[in-house]
C-alpha atoms as a PDB file:
ATOM      1  CA  MET A   1      13.522  -0.971 -15.820  1.00  0.00           C
ATOM      2  CA  ALA A   2      11.424   1.922 -16.022  1.00  0.00           C
ATOM      3  CA  GLN A   3      10.654   3.987 -12.962  1.00  0.00           C
ATOM      4  CA  GLN A   4       7.460   3.252 -11.420  1.00  0.00           C
ATOM      5  CA  THR A   5       5.399   6.294 -10.337  1.00  0.00           C
ATOM      6  CA  LEU A   6       3.346   5.934  -7.439  1.00  0.00           C
ATOM      7  CA  GLU A   7       0.285   8.379  -6.471  1.00  0.00           C
ATOM      8  CA  THR A   8       0.318   9.443  -2.920  1.00  0.00           C
ATOM      9  CA  TRP A   9      -1.778  11.354  -0.645  1.00  0.00           C
ATOM     10  CA  LEU A  10      -0.218  13.614   1.899  1.00  0.00           C
ATOM     11  CA  ILE A  11      -2.345  13.849   5.066  1.00  0.00           C
ATOM     12  CA  ASN A  12      -1.321  15.114   8.258  1.00  0.00           C
ATOM     13  CA  ARG A  13       2.534  15.025   7.023  1.00  0.00           C
ATOM     14  CA  GLN A  14       2.256  11.629   6.450  1.00  0.00           C
ATOM     15  CA  GLU A  15       2.129   9.742   2.837  1.00  0.00           C
ATOM     16  CA  TYR A  16      -0.630   7.288   1.994  1.00  0.00           C
ATOM     17  CA  VAL A  17      -1.381   5.202  -0.874  1.00  0.00           C
ATOM     18  CA  THR A  18      -4.759   3.781  -1.881  1.00  0.00           C
ATOM     19  CA  PRO A  19      -5.007  -0.191  -1.944  1.00  0.00           C
ATOM     20  CA  LYS A  20      -5.555  -0.230  -5.472  1.00  0.00           C
ATOM     21  CA  GLU A  21      -2.491   2.030  -5.728  1.00  0.00           C
ATOM     22  CA  ALA A  22      -0.289  -0.061  -3.680  1.00  0.00           C
ATOM     23  CA  ALA A  23      -1.522  -3.475  -5.528  1.00  0.00           C
ATOM     24  CA  ARG A  24      -0.561  -1.782  -8.774  1.00  0.00           C
ATOM     25  CA  TRP A  25       2.906  -1.107  -7.525  1.00  0.00           C
ATOM     26  CA  LEU A  26       3.413  -4.388  -5.871  1.00  0.00           C
ATOM     27  CA  GLY A  27       2.297  -5.925  -9.302  1.00  0.00           C
ATOM     28  CA  ILE A  28      -0.435  -7.895  -7.901  1.00  0.00           C
ATOM     29  CA  HIS A  29      -4.075  -7.960  -8.379  1.00  0.00           C
ATOM     30  CA  HIS A  30      -6.276  -5.642  -6.401  1.00  0.00           C
ATOM     31  CA  LYS A  31      -8.529  -8.280  -4.952  1.00  0.00           C
ATOM     32  CA  THR A  32      -5.132 -10.025  -3.718  1.00  0.00           C
ATOM     33  CA  ILE A  33      -4.034  -6.903  -1.573  1.00  0.00           C
ATOM     34  CA  LEU A  34      -7.409  -6.874  -0.185  1.00  0.00           C
ATOM     35  CA  ASN A  35      -6.736 -10.201   1.196  1.00  0.00           C
ATOM     36  CA  ILE A  36      -3.697  -9.413   2.461  1.00  0.00           C
ATOM     37  CA  ILE A  37      -5.439  -6.529   4.527  1.00  0.00           C
ATOM     38  CA  LEU A  38      -8.053  -8.754   5.637  1.00  0.00           C
ATOM     39  CA  ASP A  39      -5.486 -11.242   6.807  1.00  0.00           C
ATOM     40  CA  GLY A  40      -3.744  -8.550   8.882  1.00  0.00           C
ATOM     41  CA  LYS A  41      -0.716  -8.529   6.756  1.00  0.00           C
ATOM     42  CA  LEU A  42      -0.694  -4.760   5.623  1.00  0.00           C
ATOM     43  CA  PRO A  43      -2.559  -2.861   7.910  1.00  0.00           C
ATOM     44  CA  VAL A  44      -4.938   0.165   6.608  1.00  0.00           C
ATOM     45  CA  VAL A  45      -5.791   3.512   8.051  1.00  0.00           C
ATOM     46  CA  ARG A  46      -9.315   4.707   7.432  1.00  0.00           C
ATOM     47  CA  ILE A  47      -9.816   8.343   6.839  1.00  0.00           C
ATOM     48  CA  GLU A  48     -13.340   9.209   6.174  1.00  0.00           C
ATOM     49  CA  SER A  49     -14.865   6.554   4.055  1.00  0.00           C
ATOM     50  CA  ARG A  50     -11.430   5.518   2.323  1.00  0.00           C
ATOM     51  CA  GLN A  51      -8.758   3.166   3.042  1.00  0.00           C
ATOM     52  CA  PHE A  52      -5.480   4.153   2.963  1.00  0.00           C
ATOM     53  CA  ILE A  53      -1.814   2.445   3.404  1.00  0.00           C
ATOM     54  CA  GLU A  54       0.932   4.358   5.096  1.00  0.00           C
ATOM     55  CA  LEU A  55       3.946   4.421   2.324  1.00  0.00           C
ATOM     56  CA  ASP A  56       6.630   3.395   4.998  1.00  0.00           C
ATOM     57  CA  VAL A  57       4.466   0.489   5.919  1.00  0.00           C
ATOM     58  CA  LEU A  58       3.962  -0.593   2.396  1.00  0.00           C
ATOM     59  CA  LYS A  59       7.588  -0.294   1.559  1.00  0.00           C
ATOM     60  CA  ALA A  60       8.541  -2.199   4.712  1.00  0.00           C
ATOM     61  CA  TYR A  61       6.030  -4.728   3.647  1.00  0.00           C
ATOM     62  CA  GLU A  62       7.611  -5.059   0.145  1.00  0.00           C
ATOM     63  CA  ASP A  63      10.952  -5.393   1.643  1.00  0.00           C
ATOM     64  CA  ARG A  64       9.818  -8.257   3.777  1.00  0.00           C
ATOM     65  CA  ARG A  65       8.058  -9.980   0.853  1.00  0.00           C
ATOM     66  CA  ARG A  66      11.321  -9.768  -1.426  1.00  0.00           C
ATOM     67  CA  GLY A  67      13.159 -11.230   1.721  1.00  0.00           C
ATOM     68  CA  ARG A  68      15.460  -8.226   2.141  1.00  0.00           C
END
């Protein structure tokens, strides 16, 4: 399987991804990740007018999702 790249943003020494990038990385539709966020299963951080997900939080969510 090919290594998948993930575009991250480094803000105040913390890595973040956009919800759209997180959806691509998880292999789900962008609207699905928005529903996951609205359900409170994946927290977002608002920085100025954009939403971001902490990379560590996304990785932990993926581990829980896959049952690890």
